[in-house]
Amino acid sequence: MRFGSVLITGGAGFIGASLAQRFLTSGLSVTVLDTAPFDRLPPQAGLTGIQGDVRDDARVDQLVASSGSVIHWAAVGGVDE
């Protein structure tokens, strides 16, 4: 486990990107995992954007193992009723 690092699933959205910026400003390293392209924040030190799916167990296991904390915001948006 790496202290000082955060994994945010669903971090490409408005809330996730805002949270990522807040953590970066606080000096934490942030990894964002989202199916959407991560373009709400400019490339910057401490930020890693990964385009992928939380249903990819192997990838998620690897990312969780290397993160100090996990914030789970991933969801399906615009679901039809």
C-alpha atoms as a PDB file:
ATOM      1  CA  MET A   1       0.000   0.000   0.000  1.00  0.00           C
ATOM      2  CA  ARG A   2       1.261   3.489  -0.853  1.00  0.00           C
ATOM      3  CA  PHE A   3       0.284   6.191   1.608  1.00  0.00           C
ATOM      4  CA  GLY A   4      -0.355   9.562   0.040  1.00  0.00           C
ATOM      5  CA  SER A   5      -2.004   8.086  -3.027  1.00  0.00           C
ATOM      6  CA  VAL A   6      -5.661   7.910  -4.007  1.00  0.00           C
ATOM      7  CA  LEU A   7      -7.479   5.875  -6.658  1.00  0.00           C
ATOM      8  CA  ILE A   8     -10.683   7.489  -7.924  1.00  0.00           C
ATOM      9  CA  THR A   9     -12.964   5.293 -10.010  1.00  0.00           C
ATOM     10  CA  GLY A  10     -15.268   7.331 -12.209  1.00  0.00           C
ATOM     11  CA  GLY A  11     -12.902  10.260 -11.836  1.00  0.00           C
ATOM     12  CA  ALA A  12     -13.420  11.658 -15.343  1.00  0.00           C
ATOM     13  CA  GLY A  13     -16.767  13.185 -14.393  1.00  0.00           C
ATOM     14  CA  PHE A  14     -17.346  16.594 -12.858  1.00  0.00           C
ATOM     15  CA  ILE A  15     -17.336  15.461  -9.216  1.00  0.00           C
ATOM     16  CA  GLY A  16     -14.461  13.002  -9.619  1.00  0.00           C
ATOM     17  CA  ALA A  17     -12.277  15.517 -11.459  1.00  0.00           C
ATOM     18  CA  SER A  18     -12.996  18.194  -8.854  1.00  0.00           C
ATOM     19  CA  LEU A  19     -12.075  15.770  -6.097  1.00  0.00           C
ATOM     20  CA  ALA A  20      -8.910  14.743  -7.937  1.00  0.00           C
ATOM     21  CA  GLN A  21      -7.833  18.383  -8.216  1.00  0.00           C
ATOM     22  CA  ARG A  22      -8.451  18.901  -4.510  1.00  0.00           C
ATOM     23  CA  PHE A  23      -6.288  15.888  -3.618  1.00  0.00           C
ATOM     24  CA  LEU A  24      -3.538  17.001  -6.005  1.00  0.00           C
ATOM     25  CA  THR A  25      -3.536  20.458  -4.423  1.00  0.00           C
ATOM     26  CA  SER A  26      -3.123  18.741  -1.043  1.00  0.00           C
ATOM     27  CA  GLY A  27       0.008  16.985  -2.295  1.00  0.00           C
ATOM     28  CA  LEU A  28      -1.457  13.518  -2.869  1.00  0.00           C
ATOM     29  CA  SER A  29      -0.834  11.371  -5.934  1.00  0.00           C
ATOM     30  CA  VAL A  30      -4.059  10.603  -7.780  1.00  0.00           C
ATOM     31  CA  THR A  31      -4.906   7.794 -10.179  1.00  0.00           C
ATOM     32  CA  VAL A  32      -8.190   8.086 -12.064  1.00  0.00           C
ATOM     33  CA  LEU A  33      -9.865   5.039 -13.611  1.00  0.00           C
ATOM     34  CA  ASP A  34     -12.804   5.737 -15.929  1.00  0.00           C
ATOM     35  CA  THR A  35     -14.291   4.444 -19.160  1.00  0.00           C
ATOM     36  CA  ALA A  36     -14.581   8.021 -20.404  1.00  0.00           C
ATOM     37  CA  PRO A  37     -11.581   9.978 -21.677  1.00  0.00           C
ATOM     38  CA  PHE A  38     -10.001  11.929 -18.823  1.00  0.00           C
ATOM     39  CA  ASP A  39      -9.829  15.493 -20.093  1.00  0.00           C
ATOM     40  CA  ARG A  40     -11.300  17.650 -17.313  1.00  0.00           C
ATOM     41  CA  LEU A  41      -7.863  18.234 -15.773  1.00  0.00           C
ATOM     42  CA  PRO A  42      -4.674  19.134 -17.596  1.00  0.00           C
ATOM     43  CA  PRO A  43      -1.750  16.732 -17.330  1.00  0.00           C
ATOM     44  CA  GLN A  44       0.147  17.509 -14.144  1.00  0.00           C
ATOM     45  CA  ALA A  45       2.581  15.989 -11.696  1.00  0.00           C
ATOM     46  CA  GLY A  46       0.983  13.394  -9.456  1.00  0.00           C
ATOM     47  CA  LEU A  47      -1.951  12.665 -11.777  1.00  0.00           C
ATOM     48  CA  THR A  48      -2.365   9.429 -13.716  1.00  0.00           C
ATOM     49  CA  GLY A  49      -5.426   8.963 -15.903  1.00  0.00           C
ATOM     50  CA  ILE A  50      -6.303   5.423 -16.977  1.00  0.00           C
ATOM     51  CA  GLN A  51      -9.088   4.710 -19.428  1.00  0.00           C
ATOM     52  CA  GLY A  52     -10.557   1.397 -18.302  1.00  0.00           C
ATOM     53  CA  ASP A  53     -13.504  -0.329 -16.676  1.00  0.00           C
ATOM     54  CA  VAL A  54     -14.068  -1.163 -13.002  1.00  0.00           C
ATOM     55  CA  ARG A  55     -15.357  -4.547 -14.171  1.00  0.00           C
ATOM     56  CA  ASP A  56     -11.770  -5.457 -15.154  1.00  0.00           C
ATOM     57  CA  ASP A  57     -10.961  -7.298 -11.921  1.00  0.00           C
ATOM     58  CA  ALA A  58      -7.250  -7.764 -12.604  1.00  0.00           C
ATOM     59  CA  ARG A  59      -6.681  -4.087 -13.376  1.00  0.00           C
ATOM     60  CA  VAL A  60      -8.716  -2.914 -10.399  1.00  0.00           C
ATOM     61  CA  ASP A  61      -6.914  -5.335  -8.063  1.00  0.00           C
ATOM     62  CA  GLN A  62      -3.563  -3.985  -9.259  1.00  0.00           C
ATOM     63  CA  LEU A  63      -4.619  -0.349  -8.839  1.00  0.00           C
ATOM     64  CA  VAL A  64      -6.154  -0.908  -5.410  1.00  0.00           C
ATOM     65  CA  ALA A  65      -3.032  -2.724  -4.198  1.00  0.00           C
ATOM     66  CA  SER A  66      -0.877   0.263  -5.129  1.00  0.00           C
ATOM     67  CA  SER A  67      -3.193   2.911  -3.631  1.00  0.00           C
ATOM     68  CA  GLY A  68      -3.474   4.196  -0.100  1.00  0.00           C
ATOM     69  CA  SER A  69      -7.175   5.017  -0.473  1.00  0.00           C
ATOM     70  CA  VAL A  70      -9.971   4.322  -2.933  1.00  0.00           C
ATOM     71  CA  ILE A  71     -12.880   6.604  -3.772  1.00  0.00           C
ATOM     72  CA  HIS A  72     -15.531   4.786  -5.817  1.00  0.00           C
ATOM     73  CA  TRP A  73     -17.536   7.175  -8.040  1.00  0.00           C
ATOM     74  CA  ALA A  74     -17.910   4.910 -11.076  1.00  0.00           C
ATOM     75  CA  ALA A  75     -21.496   4.625 -12.324  1.00  0.00           C
ATOM     76  CA  VAL A  76     -23.447   4.259 -15.506  1.00  0.00           C
ATOM     77  CA  GLY A  77     -24.789   7.655 -16.536  1.00  0.00           C
ATOM     78  CA  GLY A  78     -27.896   8.318 -18.580  1.00  0.00           C
ATOM     79  CA  VAL A  79     -29.554   5.002 -17.849  1.00  0.00           C
ATOM     80  CA  ASP A  80     -32.823   4.607 -19.757  1.00  0.00           C
ATOM     81  CA  GLU A  81     -35.857   3.584 -17.742  1.00  0.00           C
END
